[in-house]
Structure formats: C-alpha cells, structure tokens
Amino acid sequence: MGVLMFILNLIVFLIVLGVIVLIHEFGHYIVAKKFGVLVFEFAFGMGPLLYGKKKGETQYSIRAIPLGGFCAMGGEDINKALIKKNQTIGLLLDENGNAKEILLSSNLESSVSGVVTDFDLYGDNNSNLFITLLVSEEEHTYNVNRDAVYVEKTLNIFKKEVKKQLQIVPKERSFESKPAYQRFLVLIAGVTLNFILALFIFMLLNFVDVNRYKPSQSNVIGSSNYEASTILKTNDKIISINGIDINNWDEIGLWKNTPSTYESVTLNYERDGVIYQNNVINTVISVYAAGIYNIDSNGKIRNADKDGNRAAIVGQVVDISKDLKEGDKIVAINSEVVNNWDDVINYFRTNTNGGKTAFHIIRDDKEVTVNIEAYSQKLLKGQGINSFEVSIGLSPIQHFDFGYALKSGFKEFGSNAIIIFTTLGQLFSGTVKITQLSGPVGIFQVVGSAMKGGINSILFIIGLLSVNVGIMNLLPIPALDGGRVLFLIIEAITRKKVNRKVESIINNVFYIALLAFMAVIIVLDVLKLF
C-alpha cells in the first residue's frame, strides 16, 4: 500500500507541476506565435528528449527530468548560424534549385556538397538568404529558403541514431528583431497566465467549496468539529461562552481575551427551545511556533496525563518538531516549567524570537530533552500566522453569495502574493533561513498531504504554486523572465540594445547559479526526511 500511495502521490505531483509549467510556457508560446516568432520546441521537463512530435515548425516534447519546461524561440539568445566558413556541408535542393535542407552530417544524402566560403542565413532588410560553396575548386552560390532546416544525425538517450532537424531563423522570425514592446509581452505572458490560473482556481474554490461560502452573522451553529461535535448539533444557538453573552458570530471568540484557561470553555446553548447550561468542551490548541498540537492523530485531545492530571501531552507534530512524539509529556521548555498547555502558550507568547528551543519531556517514564528550531513570531507574522491558535471547532451557517465568492477569490490571490513577497523579504533579511525553504521534494510532500483533503486541496496547491512561480519569475534576476525584462528596461532607457553576448553570458552564469541553488534546496529537502 505504501508503494502504491507513493506512486499515486508522484503522479499527482507531476500533474500539479505539469499544469503550472505548461500554463507558464504556453503563455510565452502563444504570444510568440502571435508576433511571428519562430518557436523551435515546446517542452515539458528538462534534460534528454524522451518523446517528441513535430507539428508544423514546432516540436512538442517530453524530456527526461520532469521538473520545469521551456519554450525555445529563434533568436532568443544570440542569433547565429550553425555553420561557419571553411566547414564542409551538404545541401538538399528543391525543384527550383534552392536549398531546403542544410546537411551538417557527412552521411546524409545531398544534392551538392562543398566547403562554405560565404553565407547569409539572417537576411537583414529582408535580403535573400544564400550559401556559397566551393565545389570542385569552383564557387557556386545557392539561394536558401526562409524555412530551410539544418539536418544532422545524432544519438538519442537510448543510443539510437536519429535525424535531428532545426529550422533556420531569418531576421523577421527572430525574437531579438521584434520591437521592444512585443518582446516585453512575450516575456511576461508566462507569469500572466500563471496569475490568471491562480485567480481562476481561487475563484472556483469559492464558488464550489461550501466551507468557503459567506458566513452568517447569527449565533446559530452550521457545523461542529473535534470534541464540540459530541455535544453540539447543527442549528444549535450559542447563548454564552465562559459567562460572556453571545448575540452574533463575531462574539464567539470574545472569551479568548480573558480566559481562565485556554484548554477548555464552559458553554451554554439552546436547542429546540431548551437551554443547556455548563457544558465543558476541551479546545484544540495549535502552537504553530513549535509545530505541535494537543490533538492526536486519532482526534483525541491530550490535556491530561495517564493519571488524569492536567498536563501538556503532545498530539500531532510537523517537520520542525518531528523529534517529539505523540504522548510525550512536556515538563519544561528551556528553563521554564510546564504544567499544562496554558504554560506552553504563555512561553511562546513571551519568547518570540524562535531559534533553538529545548523541550524537556517525559517519554516511557524517562526524562528526555528534544531540541527543535522554533519559528520566530516575526517569521510567522509575515506568513499571516499567529504563534498559537485555539479552536472550539464551531462553524457558522454559510450560504452561497456570488459577489462574496468573486471578492474572496481576488482577496485570496492578493493575500498569497503578499505572503510570498514577505517571505522573499524575510529571506534576504535573514529572518527566513535557506533551510526553511522547500524545493521539489518539499512540494511533493505537500501535494501528498493535500491529497488527503481531496480535489479542493489539490486545486488550492496548484493555485498557490502558480502564484509562487509567477512572482519568482518576475524577480529582476538574469535567466528569469524578470531579469530579461530588466534588460529591456535598460534598452528602453538608453535607447540602445544591451550587447547580446554580454546579456547571454550574464544569463548563463545566473542560470547555472540558480541550478546550483535548486540543488542545495533539494539536498536540504531530502535531509529533512531523516
């Protein structure tokens, strides 16, 4: 079952990644085509070619490493021919005597072959394309069709000899020859479609997910979870919590302002005209700063030890607290004594800097110390998360409202974008450490977890990652779309194109640096598994 689940998670992960990458690259592809730019290849994945099918002038490919993808355009980097003077090549001529294939391999059947003495395969000012060959000590000039192709024989990933073709790029089909505004639109088209995809998904979720519908402001319960579900039912009316009168839904959480304890509440409610008083309900406590919860994997709230005494018993844990186990009894954090979950909350309320934190616990009747790297309040705040949260498990009555759903979709898009920008700022300021970032392995785990929540959770992950990919690509870093836009801005300001060789070198250097950075993130991801 474990292997099957891993395979299923992997398939869903590749689908999630594939949707985001293909949407991004399709943006570049469709706008490039619109402006007449030659698109060599539209590919999912990187590395060696696994499968490719050519339709028209574009090859549609699947490559060996299913991470990323690309839309290869003519003249995107330095526009140069694949032949040079004094090189021996062959030409395959059409019925008019024009070259339709430029043969780079000597074992290909040709109409004529010889040594290149001159050529122009760019055609500035729409001039004719030509190649001059020295054949039997005589020079002959051949016109070249503007859709001619280079042809060579090469070995594929399976060590099988195949014929490889690549169309030449005359000036009018080259990306670099297009006006600046067209190049700008091609470059931002990918992130634009990523943002459109994310916005569409967030809106869709608010249209179809009943849990996202507009909440009623009445004090009537729509649903209940956790321990509250054993006492309360739909349409029960909350009268008071911890002695505080409740008249509308906004007042449900007022008890948190001055609680005698966070571990439980005393609640009065009305059902069918009958008032039920003094119902004690244990709360669910989530300490996000430390990645621990008082509810275990079986849904049991752990507020007491085996003798029935109040205690902070660990329930579920996440990555940063994975060395803690369900059932551990917390007796101290650093040097502060812990008797119950209120003490845990108070510790992280006053100790906000995070960092290395020693949990002194009782496990199997022995005291053990477990160190975790707690999140700082500043880091959590940047993600829109509190240090801790306490929940009774009550939800209001909700109903569909078109305007509310539409507005919520935009709001969700905006809030997730802000969180990503905040995280980037925290990364550069040192608040977020590189070890806290996630790469492909981390995303794989998140997708696996999301599968437990069904299709809505998977859609949300696609939307969130699509926002992430869009924003990351907008960063003014060479090799990314934003970096290339930066070169266009420099061109617009100086009214002079940046030297193509310099731009290409800078892009290549940063591309290698980004690959190295991703490799580090992947290694750190893998280390988190152990």
Protein backbone atom coordinates (compact mmCIF):
# COMPACT_ATOMS: atom_id res chain seq x y z
CA MET A 1 0.00 0.00 0.00
CA GLY A 2 2.89 2.34 0.82
CA VAL A 3 4.45 1.88 -2.63
CA LEU A 4 1.09 2.38 -4.37
CA MET A 5 0.46 5.56 -2.38
CA PHE A 6 3.94 6.84 -3.25
CA ILE A 7 3.29 6.18 -6.95
CA LEU A 8 -0.11 7.90 -6.75
CA ASN A 9 1.41 10.89 -4.95
CA LEU A 10 4.15 11.05 -7.60
CA ILE A 11 1.61 11.01 -10.43
CA VAL A 12 -0.43 13.79 -8.82
CA PHE A 13 2.77 15.76 -8.10
CA LEU A 14 3.79 15.55 -11.77
CA ILE A 15 0.29 16.60 -12.84
CA VAL A 16 0.35 19.58 -10.47
CA LEU A 17 3.81 20.62 -11.62
CA GLY A 18 2.94 19.93 -15.25
CA VAL A 19 -0.16 22.13 -15.19
CA ILE A 20 1.76 25.07 -13.72
CA VAL A 21 4.77 24.73 -16.05
CA LEU A 22 2.71 24.13 -19.19
CA ILE A 23 0.46 27.12 -18.48
CA HIS A 24 3.53 29.31 -17.97
CA GLU A 25 5.29 28.15 -21.13
CA PHE A 26 2.05 28.26 -23.13
CA GLY A 27 1.88 31.96 -22.32
CA HIS A 28 5.27 32.51 -23.95
CA TYR A 29 4.34 30.20 -26.83
CA ILE A 30 1.01 31.73 -27.80
CA VAL A 31 2.22 35.35 -27.70
CA ALA A 32 5.45 34.49 -29.56
CA LYS A 33 3.40 32.79 -32.27
CA LYS A 34 1.09 35.81 -32.42
CA PHE A 35 4.05 38.08 -33.20
CA GLY A 36 5.55 35.70 -35.77
CA VAL A 37 8.48 34.48 -33.67
CA LEU A 38 9.77 31.05 -34.68
CA VAL A 39 9.17 28.53 -31.86
CA PHE A 40 11.51 25.55 -32.19
CA GLU A 41 10.25 23.48 -29.29
CA PHE A 42 7.55 23.49 -26.62
CA ALA A 43 8.73 21.09 -23.91
CA PHE A 44 7.68 19.69 -20.55
CA GLY A 45 10.67 18.72 -18.44
CA MET A 46 14.39 19.26 -18.86
CA GLY A 47 17.34 17.15 -19.97
CA PRO A 48 17.42 14.42 -22.65
CA LEU A 49 14.50 14.03 -25.04
CA LEU A 50 12.15 11.12 -24.26
CA TYR A 51 9.44 11.80 -26.81
CA GLY A 52 8.89 14.48 -29.41
CA LYS A 53 6.42 15.09 -32.20
CA LYS A 54 6.78 17.86 -34.72
CA LYS A 55 3.70 19.70 -35.86
CA GLY A 56 4.30 22.47 -38.33
CA GLU A 57 7.55 24.20 -37.39
CA THR A 58 7.36 23.38 -33.66
CA GLN A 59 8.37 20.18 -31.87
CA TYR A 60 6.25 19.26 -28.84
CA SER A 61 8.39 17.29 -26.40
CA ILE A 62 8.57 15.40 -23.13
CA ARG A 63 12.02 15.39 -21.58
CA ALA A 64 13.64 13.06 -19.06
CA ILE A 65 13.66 15.27 -15.94
CA PRO A 66 10.01 16.12 -15.12
CA LEU A 67 10.86 19.43 -13.45
CA GLY A 68 10.29 22.66 -15.34
CA GLY A 69 9.92 23.09 -19.07
CA PHE A 70 10.68 25.58 -21.80
CA CYS A 71 9.54 27.30 -24.97
CA ALA A 72 12.58 27.57 -27.27
CA MET A 73 12.32 30.56 -29.60
CA GLY A 74 14.51 31.56 -32.52
CA GLY A 75 16.87 34.43 -31.71
CA GLU A 76 16.01 34.25 -28.01
CA ASP A 77 19.69 34.23 -27.10
CA ILE A 78 22.37 35.09 -29.64
CA ASN A 79 21.09 34.69 -33.17
CA LYS A 80 23.79 32.78 -35.03
CA ALA A 81 24.03 30.22 -37.80
CA LEU A 82 25.06 26.62 -37.14
CA ILE A 83 27.54 26.70 -39.96
CA LYS A 84 30.82 28.62 -40.42
CA LYS A 85 33.26 29.36 -43.20
CA ASN A 86 35.61 26.55 -44.28
CA GLN A 87 33.13 23.97 -42.97
CA THR A 88 32.19 21.10 -45.28
CA ILE A 89 28.40 20.71 -45.58
CA GLY A 90 25.81 19.30 -47.91
CA LEU A 91 22.68 20.88 -49.37
CA LEU A 92 19.43 19.24 -50.40
CA LEU A 93 17.85 21.33 -53.14
CA ASP A 94 14.19 21.70 -54.09
CA GLU A 95 12.84 21.65 -57.64
CA ASN A 96 13.79 25.34 -58.07
CA GLY A 97 17.40 24.73 -57.08
CA ASN A 98 17.03 26.44 -53.71
CA ALA A 99 18.42 24.83 -50.56
CA LYS A 100 15.67 23.38 -48.38
CA GLU A 101 17.96 21.35 -46.10
CA ILE A 102 21.45 22.22 -44.81
CA LEU A 103 23.14 18.91 -44.03
CA LEU A 104 25.63 19.02 -41.16
CA SER A 105 26.43 15.29 -41.16
CA SER A 106 28.50 13.79 -43.98
CA ASN A 107 26.49 10.55 -44.11
CA LEU A 108 23.29 12.25 -45.27
CA GLU A 109 22.21 12.12 -48.91
CA SER A 110 22.69 15.54 -50.53
CA SER A 111 22.16 17.28 -53.86
CA VAL A 112 25.51 19.03 -53.57
CA SER A 113 28.31 19.27 -51.04
CA GLY A 114 31.33 21.50 -50.58
CA VAL A 115 33.26 23.92 -48.38
CA VAL A 116 31.45 27.04 -47.17
CA THR A 117 33.11 30.23 -48.41
CA ASP A 118 30.31 32.71 -47.68
CA PHE A 119 26.73 32.73 -46.39
CA ASP A 120 23.89 34.86 -45.03
CA LEU A 121 21.12 33.00 -43.20
CA TYR A 122 19.77 36.05 -41.36
CA GLY A 123 18.61 38.29 -44.19
CA ASP A 124 18.78 41.75 -42.71
CA ASN A 125 16.40 44.18 -44.52
CA ASN A 126 14.62 41.12 -45.92
CA SER A 127 17.54 40.33 -48.25
CA ASN A 128 17.85 36.92 -49.90
CA LEU A 129 19.42 34.09 -47.92
CA PHE A 130 22.30 32.27 -49.55
CA ILE A 131 25.20 29.87 -49.08
CA THR A 132 28.30 29.87 -51.30
CA LEU A 133 30.13 26.54 -51.58
CA LEU A 134 33.47 25.66 -53.07
CA VAL A 135 32.66 22.62 -55.22
CA SER A 136 35.43 21.00 -57.28
CA GLU A 137 37.51 24.18 -56.90
CA GLU A 138 34.65 26.34 -58.23
CA GLU A 139 32.39 28.58 -56.16
CA HIS A 140 28.63 28.15 -56.52
CA THR A 141 26.02 30.27 -54.72
CA TYR A 142 22.69 28.71 -53.73
CA ASN A 143 19.63 30.61 -52.54
CA VAL A 144 18.24 29.27 -49.26
CA ASN A 145 14.53 29.02 -48.49
CA ARG A 146 13.49 31.09 -45.46
CA ASP A 147 12.01 27.94 -43.87
CA ALA A 148 15.02 25.72 -44.63
CA VAL A 149 16.25 23.39 -41.90
CA TYR A 150 19.58 22.21 -40.53
CA VAL A 151 19.79 18.40 -40.52
CA GLU A 152 22.26 16.15 -38.71
CA LYS A 153 22.41 12.62 -37.41
CA THR A 154 22.85 12.21 -33.67
CA LEU A 155 22.32 9.66 -30.88
CA ASN A 156 19.26 9.93 -28.66
CA ILE A 157 19.00 8.96 -24.97
CA PHE A 158 18.62 5.32 -26.00
CA LYS A 159 21.88 5.44 -28.05
CA LYS A 160 19.88 5.12 -31.25
CA GLU A 161 20.88 7.17 -34.27
CA VAL A 162 18.18 9.66 -35.23
CA LYS A 163 17.87 12.52 -37.71
CA LYS A 164 17.66 15.89 -35.94
CA GLN A 165 16.25 18.98 -37.64
CA LEU A 166 16.32 22.64 -36.65
CA GLN A 167 14.80 25.43 -38.71
CA ILE A 168 16.96 28.42 -39.63
CA VAL A 169 15.96 31.79 -38.14
CA PRO A 170 15.78 34.67 -40.61
CA LYS A 171 15.55 38.12 -39.09
CA GLU A 172 11.77 38.50 -39.41
CA ARG A 173 11.25 35.26 -37.40
CA SER A 174 13.80 36.12 -34.71
CA PHE A 175 12.78 37.14 -31.18
CA GLU A 176 15.60 39.68 -30.97
CA SER A 177 14.40 41.53 -34.07
CA LYS A 178 10.93 42.23 -32.70
CA PRO A 179 10.02 45.66 -31.25
CA ALA A 180 10.69 46.06 -27.53
CA TYR A 181 7.01 46.07 -26.61
CA GLN A 182 6.46 42.73 -28.38
CA ARG A 183 9.45 41.15 -26.63
CA PHE A 184 8.12 42.52 -23.33
CA LEU A 185 4.69 40.97 -23.93
CA VAL A 186 6.25 37.61 -24.85
CA LEU A 187 8.37 37.62 -21.69
CA ILE A 188 5.56 38.48 -19.25
CA ALA A 189 2.96 36.24 -20.92
CA GLY A 190 4.09 33.23 -18.85
CA VAL A 191 3.64 34.86 -15.45
CA THR A 192 0.42 36.49 -16.65
CA LEU A 193 -1.10 33.08 -17.38
CA ASN A 194 0.20 31.78 -14.03
CA PHE A 195 -1.63 34.62 -12.27
CA ILE A 196 -4.78 34.06 -14.33
CA LEU A 197 -4.68 30.33 -13.49
CA ALA A 198 -4.27 31.05 -9.77
CA LEU A 199 -7.04 33.64 -9.75
CA PHE A 200 -9.37 31.28 -11.62
CA ILE A 201 -8.68 28.45 -9.15
CA PHE A 202 -9.22 30.64 -6.07
CA MET A 203 -12.49 31.91 -7.53
CA LEU A 204 -13.57 28.38 -8.49
CA LEU A 205 -12.91 27.13 -4.96
CA ASN A 206 -15.00 29.94 -3.52
CA PHE A 207 -17.81 29.01 -5.92
CA VAL A 208 -17.83 25.24 -5.27
CA ASP A 209 -16.46 24.73 -1.73
CA VAL A 210 -19.30 25.14 0.77
CA ASN A 211 -16.75 25.77 3.53
CA ARG A 212 -15.77 28.99 1.74
CA TYR A 213 -19.32 30.31 1.34
CA LYS A 214 -20.36 33.55 3.00
CA PRO A 215 -20.82 33.02 6.77
CA SER A 216 -23.99 34.07 8.53
CA GLN A 217 -23.53 36.55 11.37
CA SER A 218 -26.10 34.86 13.60
CA ASN A 219 -25.08 32.86 16.68
CA VAL A 220 -26.54 29.65 15.18
CA ILE A 221 -24.14 26.74 14.51
CA GLY A 222 -23.71 25.43 10.99
CA SER A 223 -21.40 22.57 11.98
CA SER A 224 -19.07 21.47 14.78
CA ASN A 225 -15.81 19.53 14.95
CA TYR A 226 -13.47 17.94 17.48
CA GLU A 227 -14.94 17.48 20.97
CA ALA A 228 -17.67 20.06 20.32
CA SER A 229 -19.26 17.66 17.83
CA THR A 230 -20.10 15.24 20.68
CA ILE A 231 -22.26 17.90 22.32
CA LEU A 232 -23.45 20.41 19.73
CA LYS A 233 -25.52 19.92 16.56
CA THR A 234 -26.38 21.98 13.50
CA ASN A 235 -28.86 24.81 14.27
CA ASP A 236 -27.98 24.91 17.97
CA LYS A 237 -27.84 28.52 19.18
CA ILE A 238 -24.86 29.60 21.32
CA ILE A 239 -26.08 31.58 24.36
CA SER A 240 -22.82 32.20 26.21
CA ILE A 241 -19.17 31.07 26.42
CA ASN A 242 -17.32 31.38 29.75
CA GLY A 243 -20.11 33.64 31.01
CA ILE A 244 -19.88 36.04 28.04
CA ASP A 245 -23.24 36.52 26.28
CA ILE A 246 -23.16 35.67 22.56
CA ASN A 247 -25.51 37.57 20.22
CA ASN A 248 -23.73 37.15 16.87
CA TRP A 249 -20.92 35.12 15.34
CA ASP A 250 -18.29 37.80 15.79
CA GLU A 251 -18.69 37.46 19.55
CA ILE A 252 -17.89 33.72 19.56
CA GLY A 253 -14.19 34.37 20.17
CA LEU A 254 -14.50 37.08 22.84
CA TRP A 255 -13.75 34.55 25.59
CA LYS A 256 -10.12 34.37 24.37
CA ASN A 257 -9.45 37.92 25.60
CA THR A 258 -9.53 36.97 29.32
CA PRO A 259 -9.60 33.18 29.67
CA SER A 260 -9.05 31.41 32.97
CA THR A 261 -7.62 28.63 30.81
CA TYR A 262 -7.22 28.04 27.07
CA GLU A 263 -7.70 24.31 27.47
CA SER A 264 -11.49 24.31 27.82
CA VAL A 265 -14.58 26.50 27.73
CA THR A 266 -17.91 26.41 29.53
CA LEU A 267 -20.70 26.87 27.06
CA ASN A 268 -24.49 27.40 27.23
CA TYR A 269 -26.62 26.73 24.18
CA GLU A 270 -30.26 26.47 23.07
CA ARG A 271 -31.77 23.58 21.13
CA ASP A 272 -35.46 23.36 20.19
CA GLY A 273 -36.32 25.99 22.79
CA VAL A 274 -34.47 24.22 25.60
CA ILE A 275 -31.34 25.84 27.13
CA TYR A 276 -28.46 23.52 28.10
CA GLN A 277 -26.03 25.02 30.58
CA ASN A 278 -22.49 24.50 31.86
CA ASN A 279 -21.24 22.24 29.08
CA VAL A 280 -17.45 21.91 29.33
CA ILE A 281 -15.72 21.47 25.97
CA ASN A 282 -11.98 20.87 25.56
CA THR A 283 -10.38 23.05 22.90
CA VAL A 284 -7.90 22.22 20.15
CA ILE A 285 -4.61 24.07 20.70
CA SER A 286 -2.21 24.62 17.80
CA VAL A 287 1.22 26.02 18.74
CA TYR A 288 2.50 26.98 15.29
CA ALA A 289 5.72 28.48 16.68
CA ALA A 290 6.81 24.99 17.72
CA GLY A 291 4.81 22.87 15.28
CA ILE A 292 2.90 20.97 18.00
CA TYR A 293 -0.79 20.31 18.69
CA ASN A 294 -2.78 18.95 21.60
CA ILE A 295 -4.94 16.77 19.34
CA ASP A 296 -3.50 13.43 18.27
CA SER A 297 -3.84 11.52 15.01
CA ASN A 298 -6.96 9.76 16.34
CA GLY A 299 -8.72 13.06 17.06
CA LYS A 300 -8.26 12.79 20.83
CA ILE A 301 -7.44 15.97 22.75
CA ARG A 302 -4.46 15.38 25.05
CA ASN A 303 -4.88 17.72 28.04
CA ALA A 304 -4.23 15.20 30.83
CA ASP A 305 -1.67 12.52 31.69
CA LYS A 306 -2.41 8.84 32.36
CA ASP A 307 -3.34 9.66 35.96
CA GLY A 308 -5.92 12.23 34.88
CA ASN A 309 -3.86 15.25 35.96
CA ARG A 310 -3.75 18.35 33.74
CA ALA A 311 -0.66 18.16 31.54
CA ALA A 312 0.70 19.23 28.17
CA ILE A 313 0.67 15.94 26.26
CA VAL A 314 1.94 16.14 22.70
CA GLY A 315 -0.53 15.24 19.98
CA GLN A 316 0.37 15.68 16.31
CA VAL A 317 3.66 17.22 15.20
CA VAL A 318 5.08 18.65 11.96
CA ASP A 319 8.55 18.74 10.39
CA ILE A 320 10.24 21.15 12.79
CA SER A 321 9.07 19.14 15.82
CA LYS A 322 9.37 15.66 14.29
CA ASP A 323 11.70 14.51 17.10
CA LEU A 324 8.78 14.86 19.52
CA LYS A 325 6.26 12.01 19.59
CA GLU A 326 2.58 11.66 20.34
CA GLY A 327 2.16 11.03 24.04
CA ASP A 328 5.29 12.92 25.14
CA LYS A 329 4.59 14.90 28.32
CA ILE A 330 6.14 18.38 28.21
CA VAL A 331 7.51 19.28 31.67
CA ALA A 332 9.67 22.27 30.73
CA ILE A 333 10.66 24.45 27.78
CA ASN A 334 14.22 25.69 28.13
CA SER A 335 14.29 26.65 31.82
CA GLU A 336 10.55 27.35 32.25
CA VAL A 337 8.40 24.73 34.00
CA VAL A 338 5.37 23.49 32.08
CA ASN A 339 2.37 22.03 33.91
CA ASN A 340 -0.24 22.30 31.16
CA TRP A 341 -0.95 23.69 27.69
CA ASP A 342 -1.57 27.17 29.11
CA ASP A 343 2.10 27.24 30.16
CA VAL A 344 3.17 26.23 26.62
CA ILE A 345 1.09 29.05 25.14
CA ASN A 346 2.44 31.58 27.65
CA TYR A 347 6.03 30.54 26.88
CA PHE A 348 5.66 31.27 23.16
CA ARG A 349 3.64 34.41 23.85
CA THR A 350 6.63 35.92 25.70
CA ASN A 351 9.54 34.19 23.89
CA THR A 352 9.04 35.45 20.36
CA ASN A 353 12.49 35.14 18.78
CA GLY A 354 12.29 31.44 17.95
CA GLY A 355 15.52 29.56 17.33
CA LYS A 356 16.88 26.55 19.21
CA THR A 357 14.39 25.54 21.90
CA ALA A 358 14.86 22.68 24.38
CA PHE A 359 11.74 20.64 25.19
CA HIS A 360 12.14 18.62 28.39
CA ILE A 361 9.70 15.73 28.17
CA ILE A 362 8.70 12.52 29.87
CA ARG A 363 8.74 9.60 27.44
CA ASP A 364 8.37 6.00 28.60
CA ASP A 365 8.77 7.19 32.23
CA LYS A 366 12.16 8.75 31.40
CA GLU A 367 13.02 12.44 31.08
CA VAL A 368 14.41 13.30 27.67
CA THR A 369 15.47 16.59 26.09
CA VAL A 370 14.48 17.28 22.49
CA ASN A 371 15.78 20.37 20.67
CA ILE A 372 13.74 21.98 17.91
CA GLU A 373 14.27 25.08 15.79
CA ALA A 374 11.19 27.13 16.70
CA TYR A 375 9.74 29.74 14.35
CA SER A 376 10.01 33.38 15.36
CA GLN A 377 6.90 35.49 15.77
CA LYS A 378 8.22 37.82 13.06
CA LEU A 379 8.52 34.96 10.57
CA LEU A 380 5.04 33.65 11.36
CA LYS A 381 3.50 37.11 11.18
CA GLY A 382 4.97 37.52 7.70
CA GLN A 383 3.09 34.37 6.68
CA GLY A 384 -0.15 35.65 8.21
CA ILE A 385 0.04 33.07 11.04
CA ASN A 386 -0.23 33.57 14.80
CA SER A 387 2.18 31.94 17.23
CA PHE A 388 -0.71 29.84 18.51
CA GLU A 389 -4.39 29.28 17.83
CA VAL A 390 -7.19 27.91 19.99
CA SER A 391 -10.35 26.47 18.44
CA ILE A 392 -13.61 25.20 19.86
CA GLY A 393 -14.43 23.68 16.46
CA LEU A 394 -17.56 25.69 15.61
CA SER A 395 -18.54 26.89 12.14
CA PRO A 396 -21.35 29.30 11.22
CA ILE A 397 -24.20 28.69 8.82
CA GLN A 398 -22.88 29.52 5.35
CA HIS A 399 -24.66 30.34 2.10
CA PHE A 400 -23.55 30.99 -1.46
CA ASP A 401 -23.16 34.63 -2.47
CA PHE A 402 -21.81 35.38 -5.97
CA GLY A 403 -20.28 38.75 -5.08
CA TYR A 404 -18.71 37.37 -1.91
CA ALA A 405 -17.19 34.42 -3.81
CA LEU A 406 -15.80 36.72 -6.50
CA LYS A 407 -14.31 39.11 -3.95
CA SER A 408 -12.89 36.24 -1.88
CA GLY A 409 -11.08 34.85 -4.94
CA PHE A 410 -9.29 38.16 -5.50
CA LYS A 411 -8.61 38.50 -1.77
CA GLU A 412 -7.08 35.03 -1.60
CA PHE A 413 -4.91 35.73 -4.62
CA GLY A 414 -3.73 39.01 -3.09
CA SER A 415 -3.03 37.59 0.37
CA ASN A 416 -0.98 34.69 -1.03
CA ALA A 417 1.00 37.07 -3.24
CA ILE A 418 1.75 39.30 -0.25
CA ILE A 419 2.92 36.29 1.78
CA ILE A 420 5.33 35.28 -1.00
CA PHE A 421 6.77 38.81 -1.24
CA THR A 422 7.06 38.92 2.56
CA THR A 423 8.88 35.58 2.60
CA LEU A 424 11.34 36.83 -0.02
CA GLY A 425 11.98 39.92 2.10
CA GLN A 426 12.49 37.77 5.19
CA LEU A 427 14.88 35.52 3.25
CA PHE A 428 17.08 38.47 2.26
CA SER A 429 16.92 39.93 5.78
CA GLY A 430 17.83 36.60 7.36
CA THR A 431 14.52 36.11 9.20
CA VAL A 432 13.84 33.09 7.00
CA LYS A 433 16.75 30.67 6.63
CA ILE A 434 17.54 28.75 3.48
CA THR A 435 16.92 25.52 5.43
CA GLN A 436 13.27 26.58 5.84
CA LEU A 437 12.64 26.76 2.09
CA SER A 438 11.12 23.90 0.14
CA GLY A 439 12.04 22.60 -3.29
CA PRO A 440 10.64 19.74 -5.41
CA VAL A 441 10.87 17.17 -2.58
CA GLY A 442 9.10 19.50 -0.16
CA ILE A 443 6.43 20.27 -2.75
CA PHE A 444 5.99 16.52 -3.33
CA GLN A 445 5.29 16.09 0.38
CA VAL A 446 2.84 18.99 0.41
CA VAL A 447 0.98 17.55 -2.59
CA GLY A 448 0.86 14.16 -0.85
CA SER A 449 -0.67 15.77 2.23
CA ALA A 450 -3.11 17.76 0.09
CA MET A 451 -4.39 14.54 -1.49
CA LYS A 452 -5.88 13.62 1.87
CA GLY A 453 -8.05 16.73 1.59
CA GLY A 454 -9.38 15.77 -1.83
CA ILE A 455 -9.56 17.65 -5.12
CA ASN A 456 -10.19 21.03 -3.48
CA SER A 457 -6.93 20.83 -1.55
CA ILE A 458 -5.01 19.84 -4.68
CA LEU A 459 -6.56 22.72 -6.60
CA PHE A 460 -5.54 25.11 -3.83
CA ILE A 461 -1.93 23.86 -4.01
CA ILE A 462 -1.94 24.40 -7.80
CA GLY A 463 -3.23 27.95 -7.28
CA LEU A 464 -0.69 28.70 -4.55
CA LEU A 465 2.25 27.29 -6.52
CA SER A 466 1.10 29.13 -9.64
CA VAL A 467 1.22 32.45 -7.76
CA ASN A 468 4.64 31.44 -6.44
CA VAL A 469 6.03 30.55 -9.88
CA GLY A 470 4.65 33.76 -11.36
CA ILE A 471 6.18 36.01 -8.71
CA MET A 472 9.53 34.19 -8.70
CA ASN A 473 9.78 34.58 -12.46
CA LEU A 474 9.13 38.31 -12.15
CA LEU A 475 12.18 38.83 -9.94
CA PRO A 476 14.78 41.01 -11.74
CA ILE A 477 17.30 38.17 -11.80
CA PRO A 478 19.05 37.32 -15.10
CA ALA A 479 17.96 33.94 -16.51
CA LEU A 480 14.43 34.55 -15.18
CA ASP A 481 11.71 36.38 -17.12
CA GLY A 482 12.04 39.37 -14.78
CA GLY A 483 15.77 39.60 -15.43
CA ARG A 484 15.24 39.65 -19.17
CA VAL A 485 12.57 42.33 -18.74
CA LEU A 486 15.20 44.29 -16.80
CA PHE A 487 17.46 44.23 -19.87
CA LEU A 488 14.52 45.51 -21.93
CA ILE A 489 14.00 48.37 -19.46
CA ILE A 490 17.71 49.25 -19.75
CA GLU A 491 17.29 49.20 -23.53
CA ALA A 492 14.24 51.48 -23.31
CA ILE A 493 16.09 53.96 -21.07
CA THR A 494 19.37 54.03 -23.03
CA ARG A 495 17.65 53.59 -26.41
CA LYS A 496 20.39 51.09 -27.19
CA LYS A 497 20.26 47.31 -27.13
CA VAL A 498 22.36 45.61 -24.47
CA ASN A 499 25.26 43.74 -26.04
CA ARG A 500 23.83 40.31 -26.90
CA LYS A 501 27.00 38.44 -25.94
CA VAL A 502 27.18 40.19 -22.57
CA GLU A 503 23.49 39.52 -21.91
CA SER A 504 23.90 35.88 -22.90
CA ILE A 505 26.93 35.39 -20.62
CA ILE A 506 25.13 37.01 -17.66
CA ASN A 507 22.01 34.90 -18.24
CA ASN A 508 24.06 31.69 -18.46
CA VAL A 509 26.01 32.48 -15.28
CA PHE A 510 22.83 33.16 -13.32
CA TYR A 511 21.15 30.09 -14.83
CA ILE A 512 23.99 27.91 -13.51
CA ALA A 513 23.76 29.70 -10.14
CA LEU A 514 20.01 29.05 -9.98
CA LEU A 515 20.56 25.37 -10.79
CA ALA A 516 23.15 25.17 -8.00
CA PHE A 517 20.75 26.91 -5.60
CA MET A 518 17.99 24.45 -6.52
CA ALA A 519 20.39 21.55 -5.97
CA VAL A 520 21.12 22.85 -2.45
CA ILE A 521 17.37 23.18 -1.73
CA ILE A 522 16.77 19.61 -2.95
CA VAL A 523 19.57 18.27 -0.73
CA LEU A 524 18.13 20.12 2.27
CA ASP A 525 14.66 18.78 1.39
CA VAL A 526 15.99 15.22 1.39
CA LEU A 527 17.82 15.73 4.70
CA LYS A 528 14.53 16.82 6.29
CA LEU A 529 13.16 13.35 5.59
CA PHE A 530 15.59 11.79 8.07
